[in-house]
Protein backbone atom coordinates (compact mmCIF):
# COMPACT_ATOMS: atom_id res chain seq x y z
CA UNK A 1 0.00 0.00 0.00
CA UNK A 2 2.79 2.35 1.01
CA UNK A 3 4.64 1.43 -2.20
CA UNK A 4 1.57 2.26 -4.30
CA UNK A 5 1.20 5.58 -2.51
CA UNK A 6 4.88 6.34 -3.11
CA UNK A 7 4.52 5.55 -6.82
CA UNK A 8 1.43 7.74 -7.05
CA UNK A 9 3.27 10.64 -5.43
CA UNK A 10 6.23 10.22 -7.78
CA UNK A 11 3.87 10.15 -10.78
CA UNK A 12 2.17 13.31 -9.50
CA UNK A 13 5.53 15.07 -9.17
CA UNK A 14 6.56 14.01 -12.68
CA UNK A 15 3.28 15.24 -14.16
CA UNK A 16 3.59 18.59 -12.37
CA UNK A 17 7.21 18.89 -13.54
CA UNK A 18 6.23 18.17 -17.12
CA UNK A 19 3.52 20.76 -16.87
CA UNK A 20 5.98 23.44 -15.74
CA UNK A 21 8.45 22.38 -18.44
CA UNK A 22 5.77 22.64 -21.13
CA UNK A 23 4.65 26.02 -19.87
CA UNK A 24 8.21 27.28 -19.79
CA UNK A 25 9.00 26.11 -23.32
CA UNK A 26 5.74 27.59 -24.64
CA UNK A 27 7.06 31.08 -23.85
CA UNK A 28 10.35 30.55 -25.68
CA UNK A 29 10.29 32.72 -28.80
CA UNK A 30 12.59 32.53 -31.79
CA UNK A 31 13.21 35.94 -33.35
CA UNK A 32 15.05 36.20 -36.67
CA UNK A 33 16.51 39.68 -37.18
CA UNK A 34 18.64 41.45 -39.77
CA UNK A 35 22.38 41.60 -39.04
CA UNK A 36 22.23 45.40 -38.72
CA UNK A 37 19.95 44.94 -35.69
CA UNK A 38 22.52 42.81 -33.83
CA UNK A 39 23.44 45.17 -31.00
CA UNK A 40 20.10 46.83 -30.44
CA UNK A 41 18.12 43.57 -30.50
CA UNK A 42 20.45 41.96 -28.00
CA UNK A 43 19.77 44.88 -25.68
CA UNK A 44 16.04 44.87 -26.43
CA UNK A 45 15.77 41.16 -25.68
CA UNK A 46 17.57 41.57 -22.36
CA UNK A 47 15.13 44.31 -21.45
CA UNK A 48 12.14 42.28 -22.61
CA UNK A 49 13.18 39.24 -20.57
CA UNK A 50 13.61 41.46 -17.51
CA UNK A 51 10.12 42.86 -17.95
CA UNK A 52 8.62 39.44 -18.80
CA UNK A 53 10.37 37.12 -16.31
CA UNK A 54 9.11 33.76 -17.60
CA UNK A 55 9.87 34.54 -21.24
CA UNK A 56 12.94 33.42 -23.15
CA UNK A 57 13.85 34.86 -26.55
CA UNK A 58 16.30 33.14 -28.88
CA UNK A 59 17.86 35.56 -31.38
CA UNK A 60 18.78 34.37 -34.87
CA UNK A 61 20.83 36.94 -36.81
CA UNK A 62 21.76 37.13 -40.48
CA UNK A 63 21.02 38.73 -43.82
CA UNK A 64 17.32 39.50 -44.19
CA UNK A 65 17.03 37.44 -47.36
CA UNK A 66 18.82 34.42 -45.90
CA UNK A 67 16.63 34.52 -42.79
CA UNK A 68 13.54 34.60 -44.97
CA UNK A 69 14.76 31.55 -46.89
CA UNK A 70 15.00 29.72 -43.56
CA UNK A 71 11.38 30.61 -42.84
CA UNK A 72 10.30 29.44 -46.31
CA UNK A 73 11.98 26.10 -45.61
CA UNK A 74 10.05 25.63 -42.39
CA UNK A 75 12.46 26.91 -39.73
CA UNK A 76 10.59 27.36 -36.41
CA UNK A 77 10.65 31.17 -36.35
CA UNK A 78 8.01 33.21 -34.52
CA UNK A 79 8.99 36.81 -35.29
CA UNK A 80 10.89 38.24 -38.26
CA UNK A 81 12.54 41.68 -38.35
CA UNK A 82 13.88 42.78 -41.73
CA UNK A 83 15.90 45.71 -43.04
CA UNK A 84 13.80 45.89 -46.19
CA UNK A 85 10.09 46.15 -46.97
CA UNK A 86 10.37 44.53 -50.41
CA UNK A 87 11.41 41.21 -48.86
CA UNK A 88 8.54 41.42 -46.38
CA UNK A 89 6.04 42.02 -49.19
CA UNK A 90 7.40 38.94 -50.95
CA UNK A 91 6.97 36.94 -47.74
CA UNK A 92 3.38 38.13 -47.41
CA UNK A 93 2.63 37.05 -50.97
CA UNK A 94 4.04 33.61 -50.16
CA UNK A 95 1.93 33.46 -46.98
CA UNK A 96 5.02 33.21 -44.78
CA UNK A 97 4.12 36.24 -42.65
CA UNK A 98 0.84 37.46 -41.16
CA UNK A 99 0.14 40.62 -43.14
CA UNK A 100 -1.87 42.34 -40.41
CA UNK A 101 1.06 41.97 -37.98
CA UNK A 102 3.58 43.90 -40.12
CA UNK A 103 4.69 47.26 -38.73
CA UNK A 104 7.66 49.53 -39.43
CA UNK A 105 9.54 50.24 -36.22
CA UNK A 106 12.68 52.12 -37.33
CA UNK A 107 14.62 53.60 -40.21
CA UNK A 108 18.30 54.03 -41.05
CA UNK A 109 20.73 55.63 -43.49
CA UNK A 110 23.44 54.37 -45.83
CA UNK A 111 26.97 55.70 -45.37
CA UNK A 112 30.32 55.39 -47.11
CA UNK A 113 33.10 54.57 -44.62
CA UNK A 114 36.86 54.11 -44.65
CA UNK A 115 39.36 52.79 -42.11
CA UNK A 116 40.29 55.55 -39.63
CA UNK A 117 43.92 55.71 -40.60
CA UNK A 118 46.16 57.58 -43.01
CA UNK A 119 45.39 56.48 -46.57
CA UNK A 120 47.81 56.72 -49.47
CA UNK A 121 44.84 57.88 -51.55
CA UNK A 122 42.56 60.37 -49.88
CA UNK A 123 38.83 59.66 -49.89
CA UNK A 124 36.72 62.66 -49.03
CA UNK A 125 33.58 61.99 -51.07
CA UNK A 126 31.75 59.27 -52.95
CA UNK A 127 33.31 60.27 -56.27
CA UNK A 128 36.80 59.61 -54.92
CA UNK A 129 36.31 55.85 -54.79
CA UNK A 130 36.35 55.83 -58.59
CA UNK A 131 40.00 56.99 -58.49
CA UNK A 132 42.61 54.57 -59.78
CA UNK A 133 44.30 54.32 -56.39
CA UNK A 134 41.19 52.81 -54.81
CA UNK A 135 41.36 49.06 -55.39
CA UNK A 136 38.73 47.44 -53.16
CA UNK A 137 35.28 48.58 -52.00
CA UNK A 138 33.08 46.43 -49.76
CA UNK A 139 29.47 46.12 -50.93
CA UNK A 140 27.04 43.54 -49.60
CA UNK A 141 25.56 41.24 -52.22
CA UNK A 142 22.21 42.14 -53.77
CA UNK A 143 20.41 39.41 -51.84
CA UNK A 144 20.60 41.39 -48.60
CA UNK A 145 18.94 44.79 -48.05
CA UNK A 146 22.08 46.89 -47.59
CA UNK A 147 23.41 45.51 -50.88
CA UNK A 148 20.12 46.20 -52.59
CA UNK A 149 20.02 49.77 -51.28
CA UNK A 150 23.64 50.38 -52.26
CA UNK A 151 23.59 48.90 -55.74
CA UNK A 152 20.20 50.34 -56.73
CA UNK A 153 21.25 53.79 -55.57
CA UNK A 154 24.64 53.73 -57.29
CA UNK A 155 23.03 52.51 -60.51
CA UNK A 156 20.40 55.26 -60.33
CA UNK A 157 23.03 58.00 -60.08
CA UNK A 158 25.14 56.39 -62.80
CA UNK A 159 28.07 55.58 -60.53
CA UNK A 160 27.92 51.78 -60.32
CA UNK A 161 29.81 51.09 -63.56
CA UNK A 162 32.70 53.25 -62.32
CA UNK A 163 33.35 51.06 -59.28
CA UNK A 164 31.86 47.67 -60.19
CA UNK A 165 35.27 46.12 -60.92
CA UNK A 166 36.54 47.19 -57.47
CA UNK A 167 33.68 45.64 -55.51
CA UNK A 168 34.32 42.98 -52.88
CA UNK A 169 30.99 41.29 -52.12
CA UNK A 170 29.99 40.48 -48.54
CA UNK A 171 27.19 38.38 -47.09
CA UNK A 172 25.78 41.13 -44.87
CA UNK A 173 26.45 44.60 -43.51
CA UNK A 174 28.49 43.36 -40.54
CA UNK A 175 30.89 41.54 -42.84
CA UNK A 176 31.32 44.72 -44.91
CA UNK A 177 32.05 46.64 -41.71
CA UNK A 178 34.56 43.97 -40.65
CA UNK A 179 36.46 44.25 -43.94
CA UNK A 180 36.76 48.01 -43.44
CA UNK A 181 37.88 47.64 -39.82
CA UNK A 182 40.63 45.20 -40.80
CA UNK A 183 41.81 47.42 -43.66
CA UNK A 184 41.09 44.70 -46.21
CA UNK A 185 39.22 47.23 -48.36
CA UNK A 186 39.77 50.93 -49.00
CA UNK A 187 36.12 51.79 -48.35
CA UNK A 188 32.73 50.21 -47.79
CA UNK A 189 29.02 50.86 -47.67
CA UNK A 190 27.26 50.18 -44.37
CA UNK A 191 24.35 51.50 -42.34
CA UNK A 192 24.89 54.57 -40.19
CA UNK A 193 24.06 52.57 -37.05
CA UNK A 194 26.72 49.96 -37.84
CA UNK A 195 29.29 52.68 -38.44
CA UNK A 196 28.40 54.18 -35.05
CA UNK A 197 29.39 50.96 -33.27
CA UNK A 198 33.00 51.49 -34.38
CA UNK A 199 33.17 55.29 -34.39
CA UNK A 200 36.80 55.37 -33.22
CA UNK A 201 38.06 52.88 -35.78
CA UNK A 202 36.33 54.00 -38.96
CA UNK A 203 35.55 57.31 -40.61
CA UNK A 204 32.17 58.20 -42.11
CA UNK A 205 32.90 59.94 -45.40
CA UNK A 206 29.41 60.67 -46.62
CA UNK A 207 25.74 59.86 -46.07
CA UNK A 208 24.39 58.43 -49.33
CA UNK A 209 20.75 59.37 -50.09
CA UNK A 210 19.16 56.08 -51.16
CA UNK A 211 16.64 55.62 -53.96
CA UNK A 212 14.44 53.67 -51.52
CA UNK A 213 13.92 54.63 -47.89
CA UNK A 214 15.70 52.28 -45.48
CA UNK A 215 13.07 50.94 -43.11
CA UNK A 216 12.78 48.07 -40.62
CA UNK A 217 9.52 46.13 -40.61
CA UNK A 218 8.72 43.47 -38.02
CA UNK A 219 6.03 40.81 -38.17
CA UNK A 220 4.83 37.41 -37.05
CA UNK A 221 5.27 34.23 -39.07
CA UNK A 222 2.28 32.28 -40.32
CA UNK A 223 3.57 29.06 -38.79
CA UNK A 224 4.11 30.30 -35.25
CA UNK A 225 2.53 28.24 -32.52
CA UNK A 226 3.00 31.09 -30.05
CA UNK A 227 0.86 33.84 -31.53
CA UNK A 228 0.04 35.54 -28.23
CA UNK A 229 3.66 35.63 -27.09
CA UNK A 230 4.87 36.79 -30.52
CA UNK A 231 2.29 39.58 -30.50
CA UNK A 232 3.40 40.59 -27.03
CA UNK A 233 7.03 40.83 -28.18
CA UNK A 234 6.12 42.90 -31.25
CA UNK A 235 4.06 45.24 -29.06
CA UNK A 236 7.06 45.61 -26.77
CA UNK A 237 9.21 46.81 -29.70
CA UNK A 238 6.81 49.75 -30.03
CA UNK A 239 6.82 50.58 -26.32
CA UNK A 240 8.33 53.91 -25.24
CA UNK A 241 11.23 52.14 -23.53
CA UNK A 242 12.11 50.05 -26.58
CA UNK A 243 11.77 52.98 -28.96
CA UNK A 244 14.07 55.06 -26.76
CA UNK A 245 16.65 52.27 -26.83
CA UNK A 246 16.45 52.13 -30.64
CA UNK A 247 17.19 55.85 -30.77
CA UNK A 248 20.15 55.44 -28.42
CA UNK A 249 21.55 52.93 -30.93
CA UNK A 250 21.17 55.52 -33.70
CA UNK A 251 17.97 54.36 -35.37
CA UNK A 252 15.35 56.88 -36.43
CA UNK A 253 11.81 56.25 -35.21
CA UNK A 254 9.05 56.69 -37.82
CA UNK A 255 6.49 59.34 -36.91
C-alpha cells in the first residue's frame, strides 16, 4: 500500500514537472533579425526578458534574405525583423508572414566609410572611390537589403559602372564593416548605425541618399505556434522604452 502511494506521489511530481516544463517552453520565442539589428536587438531582448520574467527569446541573426529563406523552408521562427520592406512584401505574398502583424519600427541611413587611418589615396567623397588608387570597396551582395540599397542607388546616379570592378561582395552589412575595420578594403558601404558601433576605428565619409527609404519592418510568421507571445514581443518593440533604446543605438523612429 505504502509502495503504491509512493509511486502515485512520484507520478504526481513528474506530471507537475512536465507541466511546468511545457509552460516554460511555450514562452520561448525565436526571433530572426537582420544583421544590422545585432546590437540593439540583443539589448532589447535583455530588457524584454527582464520585464517578462518567464519569457525566453532566442535571437537568430543574419542577412534579411537568408533569414527569410530559412522561414520558407520551415524553420521554427516566430517573429521576423527585416531591413527591407520589399522582402517582407514577398513573404506576405508567399503566406510566410501574417500581413496584419507587419509594422515599421525604425529607419536608417546608408553611409560610405573608410578605415580611420592615413590612406595613401585620400577619400573625401563618394566620387573619390572611382579613383585609380582605390582598389577594393566592400558592398554587400544584392540578396541582402544593404546591398540592394547600395547597388540600386549607385546605378540610379550612374556611378555603379565606375566602381563595379573594385567591388568585394559580402554576405551582410556586418561583414562589410569587418572588412573596413581590418583594412582589407579601402572603403565600404554600411548602415549609419553599424558605423556608429565602431566610431573610433572608422571614418564616415558621406551619407548616401538612397533611392528607396531604409526601413525596418517586423512581423509574425504564419507558422508560429506562439501567436500571443509573438504579438506581445512585437508590441514591446513599439513601447516607449524600446523605442528610446532604438534611438540610443542611432535608429530613427518613424512618426
